[in-house]
Amino acid sequence: MPQGTHTPQYGSLGLRQELCVRNIRWATKKALLHEHTLGKFPSVLYRPDGDGRHGNFYPASYRRILDDPGWRRRLGKTHTTARRRLLSHDAERCELDSCNSSDALLMNIFCHPSASSPASALRKFLSISPDAQFVFGHRPRVPMKNDRADCTEVDLCAGDLLIEAKLTEGDFQTAR
């Protein structure tokens, strides 16, 4: 999309458009490894480079993610539409490569050294115990009727706090 031709909108669609435009500029300006999706509003999927950088992550957060085996595994979460939406049809692309990934946003925030340290202001603000681990992609196994358990995945578990992030999703559902 040519620079300056988009019309800002409100809501999730407007945010998605704005993120895409800004990420195309950012990736081009910084010469980051990336590709665009196909469609009316092309999104950006970044790739890690050979220098330990990834355009979708703040450098300090990305270094911490790579150092933690559980967090690093989360980087491999499959991007379910990559084969259809990327010009390269690269099925190896991952969800956290996308500039619209709410999981990547959470990891940028919570994996940053100043946020994840035991005495961080973020932990205090959210009443998260200093020794609580941050677990991304947690399955709480909430009990249901008939001795079954819900298999929903929650974006982040920090002690007894569960966090579900929705960055640009507009198709929210409600349930009792």
Protein backbone atom coordinates (compact mmCIF):
# COMPACT_ATOMS: atom_id res chain seq x y z
CA MET A 1 0.00 0.00 0.00
CA PRO A 2 1.58 3.35 -0.96
CA GLN A 3 2.60 5.55 1.92
CA GLY A 4 -0.07 7.99 3.08
CA THR A 5 -2.96 6.44 1.11
CA HIS A 6 -4.75 4.63 3.92
CA THR A 7 -7.65 6.13 5.82
CA PRO A 8 -7.40 5.59 9.58
CA GLN A 9 -10.38 3.71 10.95
CA TYR A 10 -11.45 2.86 14.46
CA GLY A 11 -11.77 -0.61 15.91
CA SER A 12 -9.89 -3.80 15.20
CA LEU A 13 -9.85 -3.36 11.40
CA GLY A 14 -8.39 0.14 11.71
CA LEU A 15 -5.75 -1.06 14.15
CA ARG A 16 -4.84 -3.97 11.86
CA GLN A 17 -4.48 -1.60 8.89
CA GLU A 18 -2.36 0.84 10.88
CA LEU A 19 -0.09 -1.95 12.19
CA CYS A 20 0.40 -3.29 8.68
CA VAL A 21 1.27 0.09 7.18
CA ARG A 22 3.69 0.91 10.00
CA ASN A 23 5.33 -2.53 9.87
CA ILE A 24 5.88 -2.37 6.13
CA ARG A 25 7.64 0.98 6.62
CA TRP A 26 9.61 -0.32 9.65
CA ALA A 27 10.75 -3.54 7.98
CA THR A 28 11.81 -1.68 4.84
CA LYS A 29 13.57 1.16 6.67
CA LYS A 30 15.49 -1.21 8.99
CA ALA A 31 16.15 -3.79 6.22
CA LEU A 32 14.64 -6.55 8.36
CA LEU A 33 14.00 -10.00 6.93
CA HIS A 34 10.28 -10.11 6.18
CA GLU A 35 7.59 -10.81 3.62
CA HIS A 36 4.08 -9.50 3.04
CA THR A 37 0.83 -11.38 2.99
CA LEU A 38 -1.47 -11.22 0.00
CA GLY A 39 -4.72 -9.32 0.24
CA LYS A 40 -6.24 -5.88 0.42
CA PHE A 41 -4.24 -4.93 3.52
CA PRO A 42 -0.89 -6.74 3.36
CA SER A 43 0.48 -7.76 6.71
CA VAL A 44 4.13 -8.34 7.57
CA LEU A 45 5.68 -11.60 8.70
CA TYR A 46 9.22 -11.26 9.97
CA ARG A 47 12.00 -13.83 9.90
CA PRO A 48 14.85 -14.20 12.36
CA ASP A 49 18.18 -13.11 10.93
CA GLY A 50 21.61 -14.64 11.43
CA ASP A 51 22.53 -12.03 14.06
CA GLY A 52 20.00 -13.13 16.71
CA ARG A 53 17.42 -10.51 15.78
CA HIS A 54 13.77 -10.80 14.83
CA GLY A 55 11.88 -7.79 13.49
CA ASN A 56 8.73 -8.58 15.45
CA PHE A 57 10.47 -8.53 18.83
CA TYR A 58 12.16 -5.94 20.97
CA PRO A 59 15.84 -7.06 21.12
CA ALA A 60 16.05 -7.53 24.92
CA SER A 61 12.79 -9.53 24.96
CA TYR A 62 13.90 -11.69 22.03
CA ARG A 63 17.21 -12.54 23.72
CA ARG A 64 15.31 -13.65 26.85
CA ILE A 65 12.87 -15.69 24.75
CA LEU A 66 15.74 -17.51 23.05
CA ASP A 67 17.34 -18.25 26.45
CA ASP A 68 14.21 -19.89 27.91
CA PRO A 69 13.38 -23.31 26.36
CA GLY A 70 9.62 -23.00 26.99
CA TRP A 71 9.42 -19.50 25.58
CA ARG A 72 11.59 -20.45 22.60
CA ARG A 73 9.25 -23.36 21.77
CA ARG A 74 6.37 -20.87 21.60
CA LEU A 75 8.12 -19.17 18.66
CA GLY A 76 7.37 -22.32 16.64
CA LYS A 77 3.57 -22.00 16.94
CA THR A 78 2.25 -22.67 13.42
CA HIS A 79 0.78 -19.83 11.38
CA THR A 80 -2.35 -21.52 10.07
CA THR A 81 -2.91 -19.25 7.05
CA ALA A 82 0.69 -18.79 5.87
CA ARG A 83 0.37 -21.27 3.01
CA ARG A 84 -2.65 -19.41 1.62
CA ARG A 85 -1.77 -15.79 2.44
CA LEU A 86 1.95 -15.56 1.68
CA LEU A 87 3.31 -15.12 -1.80
CA SER A 88 6.00 -17.67 -0.91
CA HIS A 89 3.32 -20.11 0.37
CA ASP A 90 5.83 -20.89 3.13
CA ALA A 91 4.13 -23.32 5.49
CA GLU A 92 7.12 -22.96 7.84
CA ARG A 93 6.10 -19.44 8.88
CA CYS A 94 5.02 -19.11 12.49
CA GLU A 95 2.21 -17.17 14.13
CA LEU A 96 4.55 -15.05 16.24
CA ASP A 97 6.29 -13.83 13.06
CA SER A 98 3.17 -11.79 12.24
CA CYS A 99 3.00 -8.10 13.10
CA ASN A 100 -0.63 -8.75 14.17
CA SER A 101 0.20 -11.48 16.68
CA SER A 102 -1.23 -10.83 20.14
CA ASP A 103 1.01 -13.63 21.47
CA ALA A 104 4.09 -11.78 20.17
CA LEU A 105 2.85 -8.58 21.80
CA LEU A 106 2.50 -10.34 25.17
CA MET A 107 5.93 -11.93 24.85
CA ASN A 108 7.51 -8.57 23.96
CA ILE A 109 6.08 -7.14 27.19
CA PHE A 110 6.34 -10.00 29.68
CA CYS A 111 9.66 -11.49 28.52
CA HIS A 112 11.47 -8.17 28.74
CA PRO A 113 14.09 -8.36 31.53
CA SER A 114 12.61 -5.44 33.46
CA ALA A 115 9.10 -6.96 33.34
CA SER A 116 9.97 -10.56 34.14
CA SER A 117 12.38 -9.88 37.00
CA PRO A 118 11.04 -10.91 40.44
CA ALA A 119 10.78 -7.30 41.72
CA SER A 120 9.39 -5.73 38.53
CA ALA A 121 6.83 -2.95 38.68
CA LEU A 122 4.66 -4.93 36.25
CA ARG A 123 4.51 -7.91 38.63
CA LYS A 124 3.60 -5.59 41.50
CA PHE A 125 0.94 -3.79 39.46
CA LEU A 126 -0.68 -7.10 38.42
CA SER A 127 -0.17 -8.73 41.86
CA ILE A 128 1.97 -11.50 40.35
CA SER A 129 4.13 -13.32 42.88
CA PRO A 130 7.89 -12.70 42.45
CA ASP A 131 8.47 -16.44 42.01
CA ALA A 132 5.60 -17.07 39.54
CA GLN A 133 6.73 -18.32 36.14
CA PHE A 134 5.32 -16.84 32.94
CA VAL A 135 3.85 -19.71 30.92
CA PHE A 136 2.76 -18.88 27.37
CA GLY A 137 0.19 -21.14 25.69
CA HIS A 138 -1.07 -22.51 29.02
CA ARG A 139 -3.87 -25.08 29.02
CA PRO A 140 -5.72 -24.60 32.35
CA ARG A 141 -7.93 -27.70 31.89
CA VAL A 142 -10.98 -26.01 33.42
CA PRO A 143 -13.37 -28.68 34.75
CA MET A 144 -16.65 -29.08 32.89
CA LYS A 145 -19.76 -31.18 33.39
CA ASN A 146 -19.55 -34.97 32.93
CA ASP A 147 -15.97 -35.14 34.27
CA ARG A 148 -14.62 -33.46 31.13
CA ALA A 149 -12.09 -30.62 30.95
CA ASP A 150 -12.00 -27.64 28.63
CA CYS A 151 -9.04 -27.79 26.23
CA THR A 152 -8.82 -24.03 25.59
CA GLU A 153 -5.34 -22.52 25.42
CA VAL A 154 -4.76 -19.28 27.34
CA ASP A 155 -2.13 -16.86 26.01
CA LEU A 156 -0.34 -16.38 29.35
CA CYS A 157 -0.48 -17.82 32.85
CA ALA A 158 1.42 -15.96 35.57
CA GLY A 159 0.78 -17.62 38.92
CA ASP A 160 -2.99 -17.51 39.40
CA LEU A 161 -3.49 -14.82 36.74
CA LEU A 162 -4.66 -15.89 33.28
CA ILE A 163 -4.26 -13.40 30.41
CA GLU A 164 -5.88 -13.66 26.99
CA ALA A 165 -4.83 -10.97 24.51
CA LYS A 166 -6.77 -9.87 21.45
CA LEU A 167 -4.76 -7.39 19.43
CA THR A 168 -6.69 -7.01 16.17
CA GLU A 169 -9.32 -9.74 16.32
CA GLY A 170 -12.80 -8.45 15.60
CA ASP A 171 -14.79 -11.67 15.81
CA PHE A 172 -15.14 -11.99 19.57
CA GLN A 173 -17.56 -14.55 20.88
CA THR A 174 -19.30 -14.59 24.21
CA ALA A 175 -20.39 -17.50 26.33
CA ARG A 176 -21.77 -18.03 29.81
